[in-house]
PDB file of all heavy atoms in Angstrom:
ATOM      1  N   PRO A   1     -22.086 -96.540   8.773  1.00  0.00           N
ATOM      2  CA  PRO A   1     -22.672 -97.787   8.295  1.00  0.00           C
ATOM      3  C   PRO A   1     -23.025 -98.742   9.417  1.00  0.00           C
ATOM      4  O   PRO A   1     -23.761 -99.697   9.203  1.00  0.00           O
ATOM      5  CB  PRO A   1     -21.547 -98.355   7.402  1.00  0.00           C
ATOM      6  CG  PRO A   1     -20.293 -97.717   7.882  1.00  0.00           C
ATOM      7  CD  PRO A   1     -20.695 -96.349   8.331  1.00  0.00           C
ATOM      8  N   GLN A   2     -22.535 -98.505  10.628  1.00  0.00           N
ATOM      9  CA  GLN A   2     -22.833 -99.383  11.749  1.00  0.00           C
ATOM     10  C   GLN A   2     -24.090 -98.923  12.464  1.00  0.00           C
ATOM     11  O   GLN A   2     -24.111 -98.727  13.673  1.00  0.00           O
ATOM     12  CB  GLN A   2     -21.653 -99.421  12.713  1.00  0.00           C
ATOM     13  CG  GLN A   2     -20.367 -99.910  12.056  1.00  0.00           C
ATOM     14  CD  GLN A   2     -19.205 -99.851  13.018  1.00  0.00           C
ATOM     15  OE1 GLN A   2     -19.289 -99.207  14.057  1.00  0.00           O
ATOM     16  NE2 GLN A   2     -18.129-100.517  12.676  1.00  0.00           N
ATOM     17  N   SER A   3     -25.175 -98.756  11.700  1.00  0.00           N
ATOM     18  CA  SER A   3     -26.410 -98.254  12.298  1.00  0.00           C
ATOM     19  C   SER A   3     -27.038 -99.265  13.243  1.00  0.00           C
ATOM     20  O   SER A   3     -27.801 -98.897  14.140  1.00  0.00           O
ATOM     21  CB  SER A   3     -27.401 -97.892  11.196  1.00  0.00           C
ATOM     22  OG  SER A   3     -27.643 -99.010  10.373  1.00  0.00           O
ATOM     23  N   ALA A   4     -26.750-100.550  13.069  1.00  0.00           N
ATOM     24  CA  ALA A   4     -27.322-101.562  13.950  1.00  0.00           C
ATOM     25  C   ALA A   4     -26.828-101.372  15.382  1.00  0.00           C
ATOM     26  O   ALA A   4     -27.596-101.485  16.341  1.00  0.00           O
ATOM     27  CB  ALA A   4     -26.962-102.957  13.449  1.00  0.00           C
ATOM     28  N   LYS A   5     -25.532-101.069  15.530  1.00  0.00           N
ATOM     29  CA  LYS A   5     -25.000-100.828  16.874  1.00  0.00           C
ATOM     30  C   LYS A   5     -25.636 -99.599  17.504  1.00  0.00           C
ATOM     31  O   LYS A   5     -25.911 -99.574  18.697  1.00  0.00           O
ATOM     32  CB  LYS A   5     -23.478-100.659  16.802  1.00  0.00           C
ATOM     33  CG  LYS A   5     -22.742-101.935  16.408  1.00  0.00           C
ATOM     34  CD  LYS A   5     -21.240-101.714  16.442  1.00  0.00           C
ATOM     35  CE  LYS A   5     -20.488-102.995  16.083  1.00  0.00           C
ATOM     36  NZ  LYS A   5     -19.022-102.795  16.104  1.00  0.00           N
ATOM     37  N   ALA A   6     -25.865 -98.568  16.668  1.00  0.00           N
ATOM     38  CA  ALA A   6     -26.518 -97.364  17.195  1.00  0.00           C
ATOM     39  C   ALA A   6     -27.920 -97.698  17.662  1.00  0.00           C
ATOM     40  O   ALA A   6     -28.382 -97.195  18.695  1.00  0.00           O
ATOM     41  CB  ALA A   6     -26.556 -96.287  16.107  1.00  0.00           C
ATOM     42  N   ALA A   7     -28.631 -98.532  16.915  1.00  0.00           N
ATOM     43  CA  ALA A   7     -29.981 -98.915  17.303  1.00  0.00           C
ATOM     44  C   ALA A   7     -29.971 -99.669  18.630  1.00  0.00           C
ATOM     45  O   ALA A   7     -30.860 -99.486  19.477  1.00  0.00           O
ATOM     46  CB  ALA A   7     -30.610 -99.777  16.213  1.00  0.00           C
ATOM     47  N   GLU A   8     -28.951-100.513  18.830  1.00  0.00           N
ATOM     48  CA  GLU A   8     -28.860-101.241  20.089  1.00  0.00           C
ATOM     49  C   GLU A   8     -28.652-100.288  21.262  1.00  0.00           C
ATOM     50  O   GLU A   8     -29.230-100.463  22.339  1.00  0.00           O
ATOM     51  CB  GLU A   8     -27.705-102.234  20.008  1.00  0.00           C
ATOM     52  CG  GLU A   8     -27.965-103.404  19.044  1.00  0.00           C
ATOM     53  CD  GLU A   8     -26.758-104.330  18.944  1.00  0.00           C
ATOM     54  OE1 GLU A   8     -25.801-104.108  19.720  1.00  0.00           O
ATOM     55  OE2 GLU A   8     -26.781-105.239  18.107  1.00  0.00           O
ATOM     56  N   LYS A   9     -27.804 -99.275  21.065  1.00  0.00           N
ATOM     57  CA  LYS A   9     -27.606 -98.279  22.129  1.00  0.00           C
ATOM     58  C   LYS A   9     -28.905 -97.582  22.473  1.00  0.00           C
ATOM     59  O   LYS A   9     -29.224 -97.356  23.639  1.00  0.00           O
ATOM     60  CB  LYS A   9     -26.565 -97.242  21.682  1.00  0.00           C
ATOM     61  CG  LYS A   9     -25.148 -97.770  21.559  1.00  0.00           C
ATOM     62  CD  LYS A   9     -24.204 -96.650  21.154  1.00  0.00           C
ATOM     63  CE  LYS A   9     -22.777 -97.143  21.005  1.00  0.00           C
ATOM     64  NZ  LYS A   9     -21.854 -96.043  20.605  1.00  0.00           N
ATOM     65  N   LEU A  10     -29.667 -97.236  21.430  1.00  0.00           N
ATOM     66  CA  LEU A  10     -30.922 -96.546  21.653  1.00  0.00           C
ATOM     67  C   LEU A  10     -31.915 -97.447  22.365  1.00  0.00           C
ATOM     68  O   LEU A  10     -32.674 -97.000  23.227  1.00  0.00           O
ATOM     69  CB  LEU A  10     -31.479 -96.085  20.303  1.00  0.00           C
ATOM     70  CG  LEU A  10     -32.350 -94.833  20.298  1.00  0.00           C
ATOM     71  CD1 LEU A  10     -31.643 -93.697  21.002  1.00  0.00           C
ATOM     72  CD2 LEU A  10     -32.672 -94.429  18.874  1.00  0.00           C
ATOM     73  N   ASP A  11     -31.901 -98.736  22.025  1.00  0.00           N
ATOM     74  CA  ASP A  11     -32.777 -99.695  22.692  1.00  0.00           C
ATOM     75  C   ASP A  11     -32.454 -99.781  24.177  1.00  0.00           C
ATOM     76  O   ASP A  11     -33.352 -99.773  25.029  1.00  0.00           O
ATOM     77  CB  ASP A  11     -32.617-101.079  22.050  1.00  0.00           C
ATOM     78  CG  ASP A  11     -33.614-101.303  20.932  1.00  0.00           C
ATOM     79  OD1 ASP A  11     -34.660-100.649  20.950  1.00  0.00           O
ATOM     80  OD2 ASP A  11     -33.319-102.137  20.046  1.00  0.00           O
ATOM     81  N   ARG A  12     -31.182 -99.888  24.494  1.00  0.00           N
ATOM     82  CA  ARG A  12     -30.789 -99.997  25.900  1.00  0.00           C
ATOM     83  C   ARG A  12     -31.185 -98.757  26.683  1.00  0.00           C
ATOM     84  O   ARG A  12     -31.661 -98.846  27.820  1.00  0.00           O
ATOM     85  CB  ARG A  12     -29.280-100.232  26.000  1.00  0.00           C
ATOM     86  CG  ARG A  12     -28.836-101.618  25.532  1.00  0.00           C
ATOM     87  CD  ARG A  12     -27.430-101.932  26.023  1.00  0.00           C
ATOM     88  NE  ARG A  12     -26.452-101.008  25.470  1.00  0.00           N
ATOM     89  CZ  ARG A  12     -25.797-101.222  24.331  1.00  0.00           C
ATOM     90  NH1 ARG A  12     -26.032-102.334  23.628  1.00  0.00           N
ATOM     91  NH2 ARG A  12     -24.906-100.355  23.886  1.00  0.00           N
ATOM     92  N   ALA A  13     -30.982 -97.584  26.059  1.00  0.00           N
ATOM     93  CA  ALA A  13     -31.367 -96.342  26.745  1.00  0.00           C
ATOM     94  C   ALA A  13     -32.864 -96.297  26.966  1.00  0.00           C
ATOM     95  O   ALA A  13     -33.338 -95.900  28.036  1.00  0.00           O
ATOM     96  CB  ALA A  13     -30.911 -95.137  25.925  1.00  0.00           C
ATOM     97  N   ALA A  14     -33.625 -96.701  25.959  1.00  0.00           N
ATOM     98  CA  ALA A  14     -35.083 -96.676  26.081  1.00  0.00           C
ATOM     99  C   ALA A  14     -35.556 -97.613  27.179  1.00  0.00           C
ATOM    100  O   ALA A  14     -36.434 -97.279  27.982  1.00  0.00           O
ATOM    101  CB  ALA A  14     -35.730 -97.049  24.749  1.00  0.00           C
ATOM    102  N   ARG A  15     -34.969 -98.831  27.241  1.00  0.00           N
ATOM    103  CA  ARG A  15     -35.389 -99.791  28.269  1.00  0.00           C
ATOM    104  C   ARG A  15     -35.018 -99.291  29.661  1.00  0.00           C
ATOM    105  O   ARG A  15     -35.792 -99.443  30.614  1.00  0.00           O
ATOM    106  CB  ARG A  15     -34.729-101.146  27.999  1.00  0.00           C
ATOM    107  CG  ARG A  15     -35.326-101.892  26.817  1.00  0.00           C
ATOM    108  CD  ARG A  15     -34.917-103.363  26.847  1.00  0.00           C
ATOM    109  NE  ARG A  15     -33.461-103.517  26.760  1.00  0.00           N
ATOM    110  CZ  ARG A  15     -32.804-103.650  25.618  1.00  0.00           C
ATOM    111  NH1 ARG A  15     -33.459-103.645  24.460  1.00  0.00           N
ATOM    112  NH2 ARG A  15     -31.485-103.789  25.603  1.00  0.00           N
ATOM    113  N   ARG A  16     -33.833 -98.690  29.792  1.00  0.00           N
ATOM    114  CA  ARG A  16     -33.386 -98.221  31.098  1.00  0.00           C
ATOM    115  C   ARG A  16     -34.292 -97.124  31.652  1.00  0.00           C
ATOM    116  O   ARG A  16     -34.661 -97.131  32.819  1.00  0.00           O
ATOM    117  CB  ARG A  16     -31.946 -97.716  30.995  1.00  0.00           C
ATOM    118  CG  ARG A  16     -31.357 -97.329  32.345  1.00  0.00           C
ATOM    119  CD  ARG A  16     -29.861 -97.088  32.259  1.00  0.00           C
ATOM    120  NE  ARG A  16     -29.544 -95.939  31.421  1.00  0.00           N
ATOM    121  CZ  ARG A  16     -29.002 -96.023  30.223  1.00  0.00           C
ATOM    122  NH1 ARG A  16     -28.754 -97.202  29.679  1.00  0.00           N
ATOM    123  NH2 ARG A  16     -28.721 -94.933  29.537  1.00  0.00           N
ATOM    124  N   ILE A  17     -34.658 -96.187  30.765  1.00  0.00           N
ATOM    125  CA  ILE A  17     -35.498 -95.090  31.231  1.00  0.00           C
ATOM    126  C   ILE A  17     -36.947 -95.528  31.376  1.00  0.00           C
ATOM    127  O   ILE A  17     -37.680 -95.058  32.247  1.00  0.00           O
ATOM    128  CB  ILE A  17     -35.386 -93.900  30.259  1.00  0.00           C
ATOM    129  CG1 ILE A  17     -33.931 -93.450  30.191  1.00  0.00           C
ATOM    130  CG2 ILE A  17     -36.241 -92.733  30.714  1.00  0.00           C
ATOM    131  CD1 ILE A  17     -33.320 -93.101  31.528  1.00  0.00           C
ATOM    132  N   ALA A  18     -37.386 -96.473  30.515  1.00  0.00           N
ATOM    133  CA  ALA A  18     -38.770 -96.932  30.593  1.00  0.00           C
ATOM    134  C   ALA A  18     -39.063 -97.582  31.932  1.00  0.00           C
ATOM    135  O   ALA A  18     -40.210 -97.605  32.386  1.00  0.00           O
ATOM    136  CB  ALA A  18     -39.063 -97.906  29.455  1.00  0.00           C
ATOM    137  N   GLU A  19     -38.053 -98.128  32.602  1.00  0.00           N
ATOM    138  CA  GLU A  19     -38.263 -98.734  33.908  1.00  0.00           C
ATOM    139  C   GLU A  19     -38.777 -97.724  34.929  1.00  0.00           C
ATOM    140  O   GLU A  19     -39.433 -98.073  35.901  1.00  0.00           O
ATOM    141  CB  GLU A  19     -36.944 -99.343  34.401  1.00  0.00           C
ATOM    142  CG  GLU A  19     -36.479-100.531  33.548  1.00  0.00           C
ATOM    143  CD  GLU A  19     -35.107-101.020  33.976  1.00  0.00           C
ATOM    144  OE1 GLU A  19     -34.542-100.385  34.912  1.00  0.00           O
ATOM    145  OE2 GLU A  19     -34.608-101.996  33.394  1.00  0.00           O
ATOM    146  N   HIS A  20     -38.459 -96.454  34.700  1.00  0.00           N
ATOM    147  CA  HIS A  20     -38.850 -95.404  35.657  1.00  0.00           C
ATOM    148  C   HIS A  20     -40.025 -94.578  35.156  1.00  0.00           C
ATOM    149  O   HIS A  20     -40.350 -93.560  35.755  1.00  0.00           O
ATOM    150  CB  HIS A  20     -37.662 -94.469  35.924  1.00  0.00           C
ATOM    151  CG  HIS A  20     -36.438 -95.171  36.413  1.00  0.00           C
ATOM    152  ND1 HIS A  20     -36.296 -95.636  37.692  1.00  0.00           N
ATOM    153  CD2 HIS A  20     -35.291 -95.527  35.758  1.00  0.00           C
ATOM    154  CE1 HIS A  20     -35.108 -96.217  37.836  1.00  0.00           C
ATOM    155  NE2 HIS A  20     -34.484 -96.163  36.667  1.00  0.00           N
ATOM    156  N   SER A  21     -40.634 -94.989  34.032  1.00  0.00           N
ATOM    157  CA  SER A  21     -41.667 -94.146  33.432  1.00  0.00           C
ATOM    158  C   SER A  21     -42.892 -94.020  34.310  1.00  0.00           C
ATOM    159  O   SER A  21     -43.696 -93.113  34.141  1.00  0.00           O
ATOM    160  CB  SER A  21     -42.061 -94.701  32.055  1.00  0.00           C
ATOM    161  OG  SER A  21     -42.568 -96.022  32.190  1.00  0.00           O
ATOM    162  N   GLY A  22     -43.069 -94.948  35.253  1.00  0.00           N
ATOM    163  CA  GLY A  22     -44.232 -94.841  36.134  1.00  0.00           C
ATOM    164  C   GLY A  22     -44.110 -93.689  37.105  1.00  0.00           C
ATOM    165  O   GLY A  22     -45.089 -93.309  37.735  1.00  0.00           O
ATOM    166  N   ASP A  23     -42.930 -93.149  37.272  1.00  0.00           N
ATOM    167  CA  ASP A  23     -42.735 -92.024  38.192  1.00  0.00           C
ATOM    168  C   ASP A  23     -42.069 -90.881  37.442  1.00  0.00           C
ATOM    169  O   ASP A  23     -41.049 -90.336  37.849  1.00  0.00           O
ATOM    170  CB  ASP A  23     -41.877 -92.479  39.371  1.00  0.00           C
ATOM    171  CG  ASP A  23     -41.816 -91.423  40.470  1.00  0.00           C
ATOM    172  OD1 ASP A  23     -42.774 -90.634  40.567  1.00  0.00           O
ATOM    173  OD2 ASP A  23     -40.819 -91.403  41.210  1.00  0.00           O
ATOM    174  N   ALA A  24     -42.655 -90.521  36.292  1.00  0.00           N
ATOM    175  CA  ALA A  24     -42.049 -89.527  35.408  1.00  0.00           C
ATOM    176  C   ALA A  24     -41.995 -88.161  36.054  1.00  0.00           C
ATOM    177  O   ALA A  24     -42.954 -87.719  36.685  1.00  0.00           O
ATOM    178  CB  ALA A  24     -42.842 -89.450  34.110  1.00  0.00           C
ATOM    179  N   LYS A  25     -40.858 -87.511  35.901  1.00  0.00           N
ATOM    180  CA  LYS A  25     -40.670 -86.161  36.406  1.00  0.00           C
ATOM    181  C   LYS A  25     -40.076 -85.313  35.298  1.00  0.00           C
ATOM    182  O   LYS A  25     -39.032 -85.652  34.726  1.00  0.00           O
ATOM    183  CB  LYS A  25     -39.721 -86.154  37.614  1.00  0.00           C
ATOM    184  CG  LYS A  25     -40.271 -86.842  38.851  1.00  0.00           C
ATOM    185  CD  LYS A  25     -41.407 -86.049  39.477  1.00  0.00           C
ATOM    186  CE  LYS A  25     -41.876 -86.717  40.768  1.00  0.00           C
ATOM    187  NZ  LYS A  25     -43.022 -85.974  41.360  1.00  0.00           N
ATOM    188  N   ILE A  26     -40.747 -84.208  34.974  1.00  0.00           N
ATOM    189  CA  ILE A  26     -40.229 -83.296  33.955  1.00  0.00           C
ATOM    190  C   ILE A  26     -39.173 -82.384  34.550  1.00  0.00           C
ATOM    191  O   ILE A  26     -38.141 -82.126  33.943  1.00  0.00           O
ATOM    192  CB  ILE A  26     -41.388 -82.475  33.350  1.00  0.00           C
ATOM    193  CG1 ILE A  26     -42.340 -83.416  32.604  1.00  0.00           C
ATOM    194  CG2 ILE A  26     -40.857 -81.399  32.408  1.00  0.00           C
ATOM    195  CD1 ILE A  26     -43.554 -82.718  32.037  1.00  0.00           C
ATOM    196  N   LEU A  27     -39.432 -81.906  35.769  1.00  0.00           N
ATOM    197  CA  LEU A  27     -38.482 -81.049  36.462  1.00  0.00           C
ATOM    198  C   LEU A  27     -38.258 -81.575  37.867  1.00  0.00           C
ATOM    199  O   LEU A  27     -39.149 -82.197  38.474  1.00  0.00           O
ATOM    200  CB  LEU A  27     -39.010 -79.609  36.537  1.00  0.00           C
ATOM    201  CG  LEU A  27     -39.046 -78.803  35.232  1.00  0.00           C
ATOM    202  CD1 LEU A  27     -39.712 -77.455  35.482  1.00  0.00           C
ATOM    203  CD2 LEU A  27     -37.656 -78.611  34.666  1.00  0.00           C
ATOM    204  N   ASP A  28     -37.081 -81.341  38.385  1.00  0.00           N
ATOM    205  CA  ASP A  28     -36.807 -81.683  39.771  1.00  0.00           C
ATOM    206  C   ASP A  28     -37.721 -80.874  40.689  1.00  0.00           C
ATOM    207  O   ASP A  28     -38.059 -79.726  40.403  1.00  0.00           O
ATOM    208  CB  ASP A  28     -35.336 -81.397  40.085  1.00  0.00           C
ATOM    209  CG  ASP A  28     -34.948 -81.866  41.475  1.00  0.00           C
ATOM    210  OD1 ASP A  28     -34.588 -83.039  41.619  1.00  0.00           O
ATOM    211  OD2 ASP A  28     -35.002 -81.024  42.394  1.00  0.00           O
ATOM    212  N   GLU A  29     -38.122 -81.496  41.801  1.00  0.00           N
ATOM    213  CA  GLU A  29     -39.071 -80.841  42.706  1.00  0.00           C
ATOM    214  C   GLU A  29     -38.513 -79.522  43.245  1.00  0.00           C
ATOM    215  O   GLU A  29     -39.260 -78.549  43.416  1.00  0.00           O
ATOM    216  CB  GLU A  29     -39.413 -81.772  43.864  1.00  0.00           C
ATOM    217  CG  GLU A  29     -40.223 -82.992  43.440  1.00  0.00           C
ATOM    218  CD  GLU A  29     -40.606 -83.859  44.621  1.00  0.00           C
ATOM    219  OE1 GLU A  29     -40.235 -83.491  45.770  1.00  0.00           O
ATOM    220  OE2 GLU A  29     -41.266 -84.888  44.414  1.00  0.00           O
ATOM    221  N   LYS A  30     -37.212 -79.463  43.490  1.00  0.00           N
ATOM    222  CA  LYS A  30     -36.625 -78.227  44.011  1.00  0.00           C
ATOM    223  C   LYS A  30     -36.719 -77.099  42.990  1.00  0.00           C
ATOM    224  O   LYS A  30     -36.922 -75.940  43.352  1.00  0.00           O
ATOM    225  CB  LYS A  30     -35.164 -78.462  44.392  1.00  0.00           C
ATOM    226  CG  LYS A  30     -34.988 -79.426  45.567  1.00  0.00           C
ATOM    227  CD  LYS A  30     -33.518 -79.593  45.917  1.00  0.00           C
ATOM    228  CE  LYS A  30     -33.338 -80.534  47.097  1.00  0.00           C
ATOM    229  NZ  LYS A  30     -31.896 -80.727  47.449  1.00  0.00           N
ATOM    230  N   ILE A  31     -36.588 -77.470  41.694  1.00  0.00           N
ATOM    231  CA  ILE A  31     -36.720 -76.459  40.648  1.00  0.00           C
ATOM    232  C   ILE A  31     -38.184 -76.071  40.481  1.00  0.00           C
ATOM    233  O   ILE A  31     -38.517 -74.888  40.334  1.00  0.00           O
ATOM    234  CB  ILE A  31     -36.148 -76.995  39.316  1.00  0.00           C
ATOM    235  CG1 ILE A  31     -34.659 -77.300  39.468  1.00  0.00           C
ATOM    236  CG2 ILE A  31     -36.385 -75.995  38.192  1.00  0.00           C
ATOM    237  CD1 ILE A  31     -34.029 -77.885  38.229  1.00  0.00           C
ATOM    238  N   SER A  32     -39.076 -77.042  40.536  1.00  0.00           N
ATOM    239  CA  SER A  32     -40.509 -76.772  40.368  1.00  0.00           C
ATOM    240  C   SER A  32     -41.027 -75.833  41.443  1.00  0.00           C
ATOM    241  O   SER A  32     -41.890 -74.992  41.187  1.00  0.00           O
ATOM    242  CB  SER A  32     -41.303 -78.078  40.382  1.00  0.00           C
ATOM    243  OG  SER A  32     -40.925 -78.911  39.310  1.00  0.00           O
ATOM    244  N   GLU A  33     -40.504 -75.975  42.660  1.00  0.00           N
ATOM    245  CA  GLU A  33     -40.970 -75.135  43.765  1.00  0.00           C
ATOM    246  C   GLU A  33     -40.640 -73.666  43.563  1.00  0.00           C
ATOM    247  O   GLU A  33     -41.278 -72.795  44.165  1.00  0.00           O
ATOM    248  CB  GLU A  33     -40.360 -75.633  45.072  1.00  0.00           C
ATOM    249  CG  GLU A  33     -40.887 -77.001  45.510  1.00  0.00           C
ATOM    250  CD  GLU A  33     -40.148 -77.522  46.727  1.00  0.00           C
ATOM    251  OE1 GLU A  33     -39.180 -76.847  47.167  1.00  0.00           O
ATOM    252  OE2 GLU A  33     -40.518 -78.598  47.230  1.00  0.00           O
ATOM    253  N   GLN A  34     -39.651 -73.371  42.724  1.00  0.00           N
ATOM    254  CA  GLN A  34     -39.268 -71.987  42.484  1.00  0.00           C
ATOM    255  C   GLN A  34     -40.105 -71.330  41.382  1.00  0.00           C
ATOM    256  O   GLN A  34     -39.995 -70.123  41.161  1.00  0.00           O
ATOM    257  CB  GLN A  34     -37.779 -71.918  42.073  1.00  0.00           C
ATOM    258  CG  GLN A  34     -36.850 -72.609  43.055  1.00  0.00           C
ATOM    259  CD  GLN A  34     -36.906 -72.003  44.445  1.00  0.00           C
ATOM    260  OE1 GLN A  34     -36.995 -70.772  44.585  1.00  0.00           O
ATOM    261  NE2 GLN A  34     -36.872 -72.845  45.476  1.00  0.00           N
ATOM    262  N   LEU A  35     -40.944 -72.110  40.700  1.00  0.00           N
ATOM    263  CA  LEU A  35     -41.741 -71.584  39.597  1.00  0.00           C
ATOM    264  C   LEU A  35     -43.008 -70.924  40.110  1.00  0.00           C
ATOM    265  O   LEU A  35     -43.465 -71.206  41.231  1.00  0.00           O
ATOM    266  CB  LEU A  35     -42.109 -72.721  38.634  1.00  0.00           C
ATOM    267  CG  LEU A  35     -40.948 -73.471  37.979  1.00  0.00           C
ATOM    268  CD1 LEU A  35     -41.472 -74.631  37.145  1.00  0.00           C
ATOM    269  CD2 LEU A  35     -40.118 -72.525  37.113  1.00  0.00           C
ATOM    270  N   PRO A  36     -43.609 -70.042  39.317  1.00  0.00           N
ATOM    271  CA  PRO A  36     -44.906 -69.459  39.687  1.00  0.00           C
ATOM    272  C   PRO A  36     -45.958 -70.566  39.840  1.00  0.00           C
ATOM    273  O   PRO A  36     -45.862 -71.620  39.194  1.00  0.00           O
ATOM    274  CB  PRO A  36     -45.234 -68.535  38.500  1.00  0.00           C
ATOM    275  CG  PRO A  36     -43.914 -68.255  37.856  1.00  0.00           C
ATOM    276  CD  PRO A  36     -43.090 -69.479  38.057  1.00  0.00           C
ATOM    277  N   PRO A  37     -46.977 -70.340  40.670  1.00  0.00           N
ATOM    278  CA  PRO A  37     -47.995 -71.380  40.906  1.00  0.00           C
ATOM    279  C   PRO A  37     -48.654 -71.904  39.632  1.00  0.00           C
ATOM    280  O   PRO A  37     -48.891 -73.110  39.506  1.00  0.00           O
ATOM    281  CB  PRO A  37     -49.014 -70.665  41.803  1.00  0.00           C
ATOM    282  CG  PRO A  37     -48.225 -69.605  42.487  1.00  0.00           C
ATOM    283  CD  PRO A  37     -47.199 -69.157  41.507  1.00  0.00           C
ATOM    284  N   ALA A  38     -48.942 -71.002  38.684  1.00  0.00           N
ATOM    285  CA  ALA A  38     -49.607 -71.438  37.456  1.00  0.00           C
ATOM    286  C   ALA A  38     -48.719 -72.404  36.670  1.00  0.00           C
ATOM    287  O   ALA A  38     -49.196 -73.415  36.135  1.00  0.00           O
ATOM    288  CB  ALA A  38     -49.956 -70.231  36.591  1.00  0.00           C
ATOM    289  N   LEU A  39     -47.413 -72.113  36.618  1.00  0.00           N
ATOM    290  CA  LEU A  39     -46.503 -72.987  35.889  1.00  0.00           C
ATOM    291  C   LEU A  39     -46.283 -74.299  36.648  1.00  0.00           C
ATOM    292  O   LEU A  39     -46.123 -75.367  36.031  1.00  0.00           O
ATOM    293  CB  LEU A  39     -45.169 -72.275  35.676  1.00  0.00           C
ATOM    294  CG  LEU A  39     -44.173 -72.957  34.726  1.00  0.00           C
ATOM    295  CD1 LEU A  39     -44.827 -73.253  33.381  1.00  0.00           C
ATOM    296  CD2 LEU A  39     -42.942 -72.082  34.528  1.00  0.00           C
TER     297      LEU A  39
END
């Protein structure tokens, strides 16, 4: 029943990660370098 607190947690997480969205990385560069060129 305390869904409001859960929403606040989600808001904080979204704001924290959104600060870095300008430099989005799906995979770490070291991992990406091990993938085939096409991937």
